[in-house]
Amino acid sequence: MTTVIGVDVGGTFTDLVLHDAATGEIRVAKQPTTPSAPERGVLAAVDAAVPQDLLARCRHFVHGTTVGLNALLERRGATVGLITTAGFRDVLEIRRGDRDDPYDLFWTPPPPLVPRRLRLEVTERVAADGSVVRDLEPEDVRRAAEVFAAEGVDAVAIVLVNSYANPAHETRAAELLRQAGFAGPVSLSHEVSGEYREYERTCTTVVDAFVRHRMGPYLHNLERELRARGFAGELLVTRSGGGALALAEAAARPFETILSGPVAGAAATARLAASLGLGTAVAADVGGTSFDTALIEDGRLPLLYQGEVVGLPLQSPWVDVRSVGAGGGSVAYADAGGLLRVAPAARAPTPAACYQRGGTEPTVTDAALHLGMIPRGHISGGIELSEDTAARALAPLAGRPASTAWTRSRWAWSGSPPRTWPRPCAA
């Protein structure tokens, strides 16, 4: 038995649990998440619950985080530039021919993480067998570096065709980019994925660059501060495919931590189901930004070899956890037709009004409290839930005038329905 600290960084709160192997004591703490510097929320939880001598005795600090996932859900990450083979500039936009909802006539794919002006082509070509058809043109990379500097690009993804078979051109392009003065993170597709399928590999590499700019400094700052407080054990980060990565690996491959927090919750559910003798269970994890579910059968987590989040495929081992942007801090609003919608806030975190921490918009948490789904009163972290404050936040939404047009939907009525529904036309 070893003393272990587990920490989960969510969109709204950062939670800590410590198990003291010597005494069997369990310590818990809850602190507000600090999105601009997530390590501050983690350190605040550590300072609140873990004395320095106990921290020094800890062997493992296991860290689950939704920082990468929330960055994708909220589209708040690095400004990414893409260098790709001439003719493949629009791979991210062309995508695949399928779509998420085949019955939605108005479905549109999510916009690419890299706008077209930052997707730049270079002359080069490698064949599928790894042979060089055309050498890399260095001047094209230098011109791309000039554009990135002018546009304020934070991170660059380099994805050249068939580089999984021969990565020489990608490696050379990264060298030229550094020589041109680019100092930010660079993600190379043969290192990130190393698999065929140009769209999926491009998307995976871009996601890695998108979250790397945020995850790398965050993890290194956390390690530095923990060491300064006396922690001498091993710092681990849970990964999307189950298990955990050493901190250096997580910083080098941040795309593998996208579902870090949700998968840790699903793994705990599987362990609990096994201890209760339940062969089948559904894990449901309501965070501040996302709502995550997983189906557990025969006590095992479902494992995929390619994941997807917010419509973006990722070539990585992946516990099949489905995430939608409808967490406790997601804001409810009525659209132009008077229909109820729920979506992550444009700024994060959005504290629920019932927390009495300055939040004024109606959130999922406010609705759950108002409906009696969660009890009123104190919760961990010194927070007292206020049903009155939640009701005041929900009142403007409930009192919104309905549209004069009538419609039937799976969400709500908008206006007054007709006395009878129109008869369907005969076939």
Protein backbone atom coordinates (compact mmCIF):
# COMPACT_ATOMS: atom_id res chain seq x y z
CA MET A 1 0.00 0.00 0.00
CA THR A 2 1.27 3.45 -0.91
CA THR A 3 -0.02 6.92 -0.21
CA VAL A 4 -1.68 8.25 -3.36
CA ILE A 5 -3.19 11.58 -4.39
CA GLY A 6 -5.78 11.71 -7.15
CA VAL A 7 -6.77 15.03 -8.71
CA ASP A 8 -9.36 15.76 -11.39
CA VAL A 9 -9.42 19.14 -13.13
CA GLY A 10 -12.89 19.89 -14.48
CA GLY A 11 -14.36 22.87 -16.24
CA THR A 12 -15.71 24.37 -13.01
CA PHE A 13 -14.08 22.61 -10.06
CA THR A 14 -10.82 20.86 -9.27
CA ASP A 15 -11.28 17.88 -6.94
CA LEU A 16 -8.66 16.08 -4.85
CA VAL A 17 -8.76 12.76 -2.98
CA LEU A 18 -5.86 11.49 -0.86
CA HIS A 19 -5.51 8.02 0.61
CA ASP A 20 -2.98 7.78 3.45
CA ALA A 21 -1.64 4.21 3.38
CA ALA A 22 -0.22 4.50 6.89
CA THR A 23 -3.47 5.42 8.64
CA GLY A 24 -6.17 4.60 6.10
CA GLU A 25 -7.33 8.21 6.26
CA ILE A 26 -9.16 9.73 3.27
CA ARG A 27 -8.83 13.47 2.65
CA VAL A 28 -10.82 15.43 0.08
CA ALA A 29 -10.79 18.98 -1.26
CA LYS A 30 -12.69 20.98 -3.85
CA GLN A 31 -11.47 24.26 -5.32
CA PRO A 32 -12.61 26.40 -8.26
CA THR A 33 -10.78 25.59 -11.48
CA THR A 34 -8.59 28.42 -12.78
CA PRO A 35 -8.81 28.14 -16.60
CA SER A 36 -6.05 30.64 -17.36
CA ALA A 37 -3.61 28.60 -15.24
CA PRO A 38 -5.16 25.22 -14.26
CA GLU A 39 -2.23 24.32 -12.02
CA ARG A 40 -3.31 27.03 -9.56
CA GLY A 41 -6.58 25.24 -8.83
CA VAL A 42 -4.70 21.96 -8.35
CA LEU A 43 -2.19 23.55 -5.99
CA ALA A 44 -4.97 25.26 -4.05
CA ALA A 45 -6.59 21.86 -3.49
CA VAL A 46 -3.25 20.38 -2.42
CA ASP A 47 -2.61 23.24 0.03
CA ALA A 48 -6.12 22.91 1.46
CA ALA A 49 -6.00 19.17 2.20
CA VAL A 50 -2.43 17.87 2.19
CA PRO A 51 0.13 18.84 4.87
CA GLN A 52 3.70 19.11 3.62
CA ASP A 53 4.93 16.05 5.51
CA LEU A 54 2.12 13.93 4.04
CA LEU A 55 2.80 15.27 0.55
CA ALA A 56 6.43 14.23 0.93
CA ARG A 57 5.34 10.65 1.72
CA CYS A 58 3.14 10.32 -1.38
CA ARG A 59 4.42 7.86 -3.96
CA HIS A 60 2.05 8.75 -6.78
CA PHE A 61 0.20 11.88 -7.86
CA VAL A 62 -2.39 10.67 -10.39
CA HIS A 63 -3.84 13.49 -12.41
CA GLY A 64 -6.96 13.43 -14.58
CA THR A 65 -7.75 16.54 -16.55
CA THR A 66 -10.31 17.89 -19.00
CA VAL A 67 -8.12 20.83 -19.99
CA GLY A 68 -7.55 19.43 -23.49
CA LEU A 69 -11.17 18.32 -23.95
CA ASN A 70 -12.55 21.66 -22.77
CA ALA A 71 -10.20 23.50 -25.11
CA LEU A 72 -11.76 21.57 -28.02
CA LEU A 73 -15.34 21.94 -26.79
CA GLU A 74 -14.91 25.68 -26.31
CA ARG A 75 -12.53 26.19 -29.25
CA ARG A 76 -10.10 27.96 -26.94
CA GLY A 77 -6.59 26.76 -27.69
CA ALA A 78 -3.55 27.79 -29.66
CA THR A 79 -3.66 29.63 -32.98
CA VAL A 80 -2.42 26.78 -35.18
CA GLY A 81 -0.70 26.91 -38.54
CA LEU A 82 -0.56 23.90 -40.88
CA ILE A 83 2.18 22.98 -43.34
CA THR A 84 1.11 20.31 -45.80
CA THR A 85 1.92 18.90 -49.24
CA ALA A 86 0.84 20.96 -52.24
CA GLY A 87 -2.67 19.92 -53.25
CA PHE A 88 -3.72 18.83 -49.75
CA ARG A 89 -4.46 22.21 -48.23
CA ASP A 90 -8.18 21.53 -47.85
CA VAL A 91 -8.10 18.01 -46.42
CA LEU A 92 -9.45 19.32 -43.10
CA GLU A 93 -12.38 20.98 -44.86
CA ILE A 94 -13.23 18.17 -47.29
CA ARG A 95 -13.31 15.64 -44.42
CA ARG A 96 -15.16 12.38 -45.18
CA GLY A 97 -18.39 11.90 -47.08
CA ASP A 98 -20.36 10.79 -44.03
CA ARG A 99 -22.00 13.10 -41.51
CA ASP A 100 -22.95 12.87 -37.86
CA ASP A 101 -26.72 13.06 -38.34
CA PRO A 102 -27.89 11.70 -41.72
CA TYR A 103 -31.48 12.88 -41.06
CA ASP A 104 -30.61 16.51 -40.32
CA LEU A 105 -31.05 18.41 -43.57
CA PHE A 106 -29.32 21.48 -42.11
CA TRP A 107 -26.34 19.69 -40.55
CA THR A 108 -23.04 21.45 -41.07
CA PRO A 109 -19.64 20.11 -40.00
CA PRO A 110 -17.70 21.95 -37.32
CA PRO A 111 -15.29 24.52 -38.78
CA PRO A 112 -11.67 23.37 -39.12
CA LEU A 113 -9.35 24.16 -36.24
CA VAL A 114 -7.04 25.84 -38.76
CA PRO A 115 -8.50 28.58 -41.00
CA ARG A 116 -7.60 28.36 -44.67
CA ARG A 117 -5.24 31.34 -44.61
CA LEU A 118 -3.06 29.43 -42.11
CA ARG A 119 -3.04 26.17 -44.09
CA LEU A 120 0.03 26.53 -46.30
CA GLU A 121 1.37 24.22 -48.98
CA VAL A 122 4.96 23.18 -49.66
CA THR A 123 6.37 21.50 -52.74
CA GLU A 124 7.36 17.90 -51.99
CA ARG A 125 6.07 14.38 -52.53
CA VAL A 126 6.71 10.99 -50.97
CA ALA A 127 5.13 7.87 -52.45
CA ALA A 128 3.18 5.32 -50.43
CA ASP A 129 6.21 3.00 -50.38
CA GLY A 130 8.37 5.75 -48.86
CA SER A 131 10.32 6.62 -52.00
CA VAL A 132 10.89 10.32 -52.69
CA VAL A 133 9.05 11.48 -55.80
CA ARG A 134 9.94 15.15 -55.37
CA ASP A 135 12.35 16.79 -52.93
CA LEU A 136 11.16 19.31 -50.35
CA GLU A 137 11.47 22.93 -51.46
CA PRO A 138 13.07 24.82 -48.49
CA GLU A 139 11.90 28.25 -49.68
CA ASP A 140 8.25 27.18 -49.32
CA VAL A 141 8.80 26.42 -45.63
CA ARG A 142 10.54 29.76 -45.09
CA ARG A 143 7.62 31.61 -46.69
CA ALA A 144 5.23 29.70 -44.43
CA ALA A 145 7.28 30.76 -41.40
CA GLU A 146 6.94 34.40 -42.46
CA VAL A 147 3.15 34.07 -42.72
CA PHE A 148 2.94 32.38 -39.31
CA ALA A 149 5.02 35.15 -37.73
CA ALA A 150 2.80 37.83 -39.24
CA GLU A 151 -0.40 36.03 -38.13
CA GLY A 152 0.75 35.42 -34.56
CA VAL A 153 0.63 31.61 -34.83
CA ASP A 154 1.32 29.83 -31.51
CA ALA A 155 1.85 26.24 -32.73
CA VAL A 156 2.45 24.54 -36.06
CA ALA A 157 1.32 21.13 -37.32
CA ILE A 158 3.39 19.60 -40.14
CA VAL A 159 1.52 16.92 -42.09
CA LEU A 160 3.08 15.75 -45.35
CA VAL A 161 1.58 13.04 -47.54
CA ASN A 162 2.77 9.50 -46.81
CA SER A 163 5.14 10.72 -44.11
CA TYR A 164 4.23 7.64 -42.05
CA ALA A 165 6.29 5.68 -44.64
CA ASN A 166 9.16 8.17 -44.83
CA PRO A 167 9.31 11.07 -42.34
CA ALA A 168 12.45 12.72 -43.74
CA HIS A 169 10.62 15.68 -45.30
CA GLU A 170 8.61 16.39 -42.14
CA THR A 171 11.79 16.34 -40.05
CA ARG A 172 13.54 18.65 -42.50
CA ALA A 173 10.54 21.03 -42.59
CA ALA A 174 10.64 21.29 -38.79
CA GLU A 175 14.36 22.11 -38.93
CA LEU A 176 13.77 24.82 -41.53
CA LEU A 177 10.92 26.25 -39.48
CA ARG A 178 13.19 26.54 -36.44
CA GLN A 179 15.96 28.10 -38.54
CA ALA A 180 13.44 30.70 -39.74
CA GLY A 181 12.85 31.73 -36.12
CA PHE A 182 9.67 29.91 -35.08
CA ALA A 183 10.00 29.07 -31.38
CA GLY A 184 6.55 27.64 -30.56
CA PRO A 185 5.47 23.99 -30.33
CA VAL A 186 5.69 21.92 -33.51
CA SER A 187 3.70 18.71 -34.00
CA LEU A 188 4.91 16.25 -36.66
CA SER A 189 2.33 13.79 -37.96
CA HIS A 190 4.72 10.83 -38.12
CA GLU A 191 5.48 11.28 -34.42
CA VAL A 192 1.91 11.98 -33.35
CA SER A 193 0.19 9.25 -35.35
CA GLY A 194 2.39 7.47 -37.87
CA GLU A 195 -0.63 5.86 -39.57
CA TYR A 196 -2.08 6.12 -43.05
CA ARG A 197 -5.34 8.01 -43.88
CA GLU A 198 -4.46 11.62 -44.60
CA TYR A 199 -7.57 13.28 -43.14
CA GLU A 200 -7.46 11.41 -39.82
CA ARG A 201 -3.70 11.88 -39.44
CA THR A 202 -3.97 15.58 -40.30
CA CYS A 203 -6.81 16.09 -37.82
CA THR A 204 -4.96 14.22 -35.06
CA THR A 205 -1.81 16.29 -35.58
CA VAL A 206 -3.71 19.57 -35.63
CA VAL A 207 -5.52 18.65 -32.39
CA ASP A 208 -2.17 17.82 -30.82
CA ALA A 209 -0.80 21.24 -31.80
CA PHE A 210 -4.03 22.94 -30.66
CA VAL A 211 -3.83 21.58 -27.09
CA ARG A 212 -0.02 21.30 -26.79
CA HIS A 213 0.39 25.05 -26.38
CA ARG A 214 -1.90 24.90 -23.33
CA MET A 215 -1.03 21.50 -21.84
CA GLY A 216 2.76 21.67 -21.94
CA PRO A 217 3.32 24.77 -19.78
CA TYR A 218 0.48 23.73 -17.47
CA LEU A 219 1.96 20.30 -16.70
CA HIS A 220 5.51 21.59 -16.29
CA ASN A 221 4.39 24.40 -13.98
CA LEU A 222 2.42 21.89 -11.90
CA GLU A 223 5.41 19.60 -11.52
CA ARG A 224 7.71 22.47 -10.56
CA GLU A 225 5.34 23.73 -7.86
CA LEU A 226 4.70 20.25 -6.45
CA ARG A 227 8.44 19.58 -6.21
CA ALA A 228 8.89 22.91 -4.44
CA ARG A 229 6.30 21.77 -1.86
CA GLY A 230 8.24 18.59 -1.15
CA PHE A 231 6.58 16.04 -3.44
CA ALA A 232 9.21 13.48 -4.48
CA GLY A 233 7.03 10.77 -6.03
CA GLU A 234 5.88 10.07 -9.55
CA LEU A 235 3.47 12.39 -11.35
CA LEU A 236 1.12 10.54 -13.72
CA VAL A 237 -1.55 11.76 -16.14
CA THR A 238 -4.44 9.47 -17.07
CA ARG A 239 -4.81 8.86 -20.81
CA SER A 240 -7.68 8.48 -23.23
CA GLY A 241 -6.95 4.80 -23.83
CA GLY A 242 -6.87 3.91 -20.14
CA GLY A 243 -3.88 3.70 -17.85
CA ALA A 244 -1.57 6.66 -17.30
CA LEU A 245 1.39 8.49 -18.84
CA ALA A 246 4.43 9.92 -17.13
CA LEU A 247 4.30 13.71 -17.13
CA ALA A 248 7.02 14.04 -19.78
CA GLU A 249 5.09 11.70 -22.11
CA ALA A 250 1.83 13.57 -21.51
CA ALA A 251 3.50 16.89 -22.34
CA ALA A 252 5.03 15.39 -25.50
CA ARG A 253 1.78 13.70 -26.64
CA PRO A 254 -1.03 15.87 -25.23
CA PHE A 255 -3.64 14.58 -27.69
CA GLU A 256 -3.56 11.30 -25.73
CA THR A 257 -4.95 13.16 -22.69
CA ILE A 258 -8.06 14.58 -24.41
CA LEU A 259 -10.36 12.21 -22.49
CA SER A 260 -8.08 11.97 -19.46
CA GLY A 261 -10.68 13.00 -16.88
CA PRO A 262 -13.75 11.26 -18.36
CA VAL A 263 -11.89 7.96 -18.87
CA ALA A 264 -10.66 8.01 -15.28
CA GLY A 265 -14.29 8.32 -14.15
CA ALA A 266 -15.36 5.46 -16.45
CA ALA A 267 -12.54 3.28 -15.13
CA ALA A 268 -13.66 3.96 -11.56
CA THR A 269 -17.23 3.04 -12.52
CA ALA A 270 -16.04 -0.24 -14.05
CA ARG A 271 -14.11 -1.03 -10.86
CA LEU A 272 -17.15 -0.22 -8.71
CA ALA A 273 -19.45 -2.29 -10.94
CA ALA A 274 -17.09 -5.26 -10.66
CA SER A 275 -16.98 -4.98 -6.86
CA LEU A 276 -20.80 -4.94 -6.78
CA GLY A 277 -21.06 -7.92 -9.11
CA LEU A 278 -22.63 -5.93 -11.92
CA GLY A 279 -21.69 -7.14 -15.39
CA THR A 280 -23.25 -4.22 -17.24
CA ALA A 281 -23.31 -0.59 -16.18
CA VAL A 282 -23.54 2.90 -17.64
CA ALA A 283 -21.04 5.48 -16.44
CA ALA A 284 -22.38 9.05 -16.45
CA ASP A 285 -20.08 11.89 -15.49
CA VAL A 286 -21.44 15.44 -15.38
CA GLY A 287 -18.58 17.89 -15.41
CA GLY A 288 -18.58 21.65 -15.62
CA THR A 289 -18.24 21.75 -19.41
CA SER A 290 -18.99 18.26 -20.74
CA PHE A 291 -21.38 15.39 -20.06
CA ASP A 292 -19.59 12.06 -20.52
CA THR A 293 -21.04 8.54 -20.76
CA ALA A 294 -19.63 5.05 -21.31
CA LEU A 295 -21.24 1.60 -21.55
CA ILE A 296 -19.44 -1.04 -19.48
CA GLU A 297 -20.11 -4.66 -20.47
CA ASP A 298 -18.74 -7.73 -18.68
CA GLY A 299 -16.87 -5.38 -16.39
CA ARG A 300 -14.68 -4.10 -19.22
CA LEU A 301 -14.26 -0.64 -20.68
CA PRO A 302 -14.98 -0.45 -24.44
CA LEU A 303 -11.70 0.21 -26.25
CA LEU A 304 -11.45 1.70 -29.74
CA TYR A 305 -8.40 2.23 -31.91
CA GLN A 306 -9.63 5.57 -33.17
CA GLY A 307 -11.60 8.11 -31.19
CA GLU A 308 -13.68 11.14 -32.04
CA VAL A 309 -14.54 14.27 -30.12
CA VAL A 310 -16.76 17.12 -31.37
CA GLY A 311 -16.63 15.60 -34.85
CA LEU A 312 -12.82 15.41 -34.96
CA PRO A 313 -11.25 11.95 -35.46
CA LEU A 314 -8.15 11.08 -33.44
CA GLN A 315 -5.85 8.19 -34.28
CA SER A 316 -5.20 6.95 -30.76
CA PRO A 317 -6.30 4.12 -28.45
CA TRP A 318 -9.53 5.39 -26.98
CA VAL A 319 -11.95 4.24 -24.33
CA ASP A 320 -15.35 4.70 -25.93
CA VAL A 321 -16.56 7.60 -23.81
CA ARG A 322 -19.08 9.85 -25.55
CA SER A 323 -18.83 13.54 -24.65
CA VAL A 324 -21.26 16.37 -25.38
CA GLY A 325 -21.01 20.02 -24.41
CA ALA A 326 -23.80 19.91 -21.84
CA GLY A 327 -22.06 19.95 -18.47
CA GLY A 328 -23.24 21.59 -15.28
CA GLY A 329 -21.87 24.95 -16.34
CA SER A 330 -23.47 24.90 -19.80
CA VAL A 331 -25.86 27.80 -20.32
CA ALA A 332 -29.51 27.45 -21.36
CA TYR A 333 -31.06 29.93 -23.76
CA ALA A 334 -34.00 30.27 -26.14
CA ASP A 335 -33.15 30.52 -29.81
CA ALA A 336 -34.90 32.75 -32.37
CA GLY A 337 -37.77 30.28 -32.67
CA GLY A 338 -38.29 30.05 -28.92
CA LEU A 339 -36.76 26.58 -28.59
CA LEU A 340 -34.65 25.64 -25.60
CA ARG A 341 -30.94 25.22 -26.28
CA VAL A 342 -28.02 24.32 -24.04
CA ALA A 343 -24.39 24.95 -24.92
CA PRO A 344 -21.04 25.64 -23.24
CA ALA A 345 -20.58 29.28 -22.38
CA ALA A 346 -18.52 31.46 -24.68
CA ARG A 347 -16.31 32.21 -21.71
CA ALA A 348 -15.31 29.67 -19.08
CA PRO A 349 -15.89 28.83 -16.41
CA THR A 350 -19.47 29.98 -15.98
CA PRO A 351 -20.30 29.38 -12.32
CA ALA A 352 -23.86 28.29 -11.73
CA ALA A 353 -25.94 31.03 -10.18
CA CYS A 354 -26.79 28.71 -7.29
CA TYR A 355 -23.12 28.66 -6.23
CA GLN A 356 -23.47 32.34 -5.25
CA ARG A 357 -20.12 33.09 -6.83
CA GLY A 358 -21.13 35.76 -9.30
CA GLY A 359 -22.88 33.63 -11.90
CA THR A 360 -26.11 35.08 -13.31
CA GLU A 361 -26.90 32.94 -16.37
CA PRO A 362 -29.18 29.87 -16.13
CA THR A 363 -27.06 26.70 -16.19
CA VAL A 364 -27.74 22.97 -16.12
CA THR A 365 -26.74 22.92 -12.44
CA ASP A 366 -29.29 25.62 -11.62
CA ALA A 367 -32.00 23.61 -13.38
CA ALA A 368 -31.00 20.40 -11.58
CA LEU A 369 -31.15 22.13 -8.19
CA HIS A 370 -34.48 23.79 -8.99
CA LEU A 371 -35.97 20.41 -10.01
CA GLY A 372 -34.73 18.71 -6.85
CA MET A 373 -32.25 16.46 -8.68
CA ILE A 374 -29.46 17.62 -6.38
CA PRO A 375 -30.00 18.59 -2.72
CA ARG A 376 -29.75 22.17 -1.52
CA GLY A 377 -27.27 23.12 1.17
CA HIS A 378 -23.50 22.84 1.57
CA ILE A 379 -21.17 20.93 -0.73
CA SER A 380 -17.42 20.41 -0.54
CA GLY A 381 -15.22 23.45 -0.96
CA GLY A 382 -17.27 25.70 1.28
CA ILE A 383 -19.98 26.23 -1.35
CA GLU A 384 -23.61 26.59 -0.32
CA LEU A 385 -26.21 25.94 -3.00
CA SER A 386 -29.01 28.48 -3.12
CA GLU A 387 -32.32 27.43 -4.66
CA ASP A 388 -33.57 31.02 -4.63
CA THR A 389 -30.61 32.25 -6.67
CA ALA A 390 -31.09 29.41 -9.15
CA ALA A 391 -34.78 30.29 -9.53
CA ARG A 392 -33.96 33.94 -10.20
CA ALA A 393 -31.50 32.94 -12.93
CA LEU A 394 -34.05 30.61 -14.56
CA ALA A 395 -36.95 33.08 -14.38
CA PRO A 396 -36.06 35.20 -17.47
CA LEU A 397 -35.70 32.03 -19.54
CA ALA A 398 -39.07 30.69 -18.38
CA GLY A 399 -40.76 34.03 -19.06
CA ARG A 400 -39.43 34.51 -22.58
CA PRO A 401 -42.31 35.29 -25.02
CA ALA A 402 -42.93 32.39 -27.36
CA SER A 403 -42.85 32.74 -31.12
CA THR A 404 -46.21 33.23 -32.84
CA ALA A 405 -45.32 30.42 -35.21
CA TRP A 406 -46.18 26.97 -33.94
CA THR A 407 -43.92 23.97 -34.22
CA ARG A 408 -43.62 20.57 -32.68
CA SER A 409 -40.13 19.50 -31.64
CA ARG A 410 -38.45 17.11 -29.28
CA TRP A 411 -37.50 20.09 -27.07
CA ALA A 412 -40.56 22.22 -26.43
CA TRP A 413 -43.59 23.96 -27.83
CA SER A 414 -43.01 27.30 -29.49
CA GLY A 415 -46.28 29.21 -29.37
CA SER A 416 -49.72 27.56 -29.44
CA PRO A 417 -50.22 24.34 -31.41
CA PRO A 418 -53.11 24.01 -33.86
CA ARG A 419 -56.23 22.19 -32.75
CA THR A 420 -55.39 19.16 -34.90
CA TRP A 421 -52.22 18.09 -36.62
CA PRO A 422 -52.27 18.10 -40.44
CA ARG A 423 -53.01 14.70 -41.95
CA PRO A 424 -50.03 13.12 -43.75
CA CYS A 425 -50.30 12.99 -47.51
CA ALA A 426 -51.22 9.67 -49.03
CA ALA A 427 -48.31 7.83 -50.61
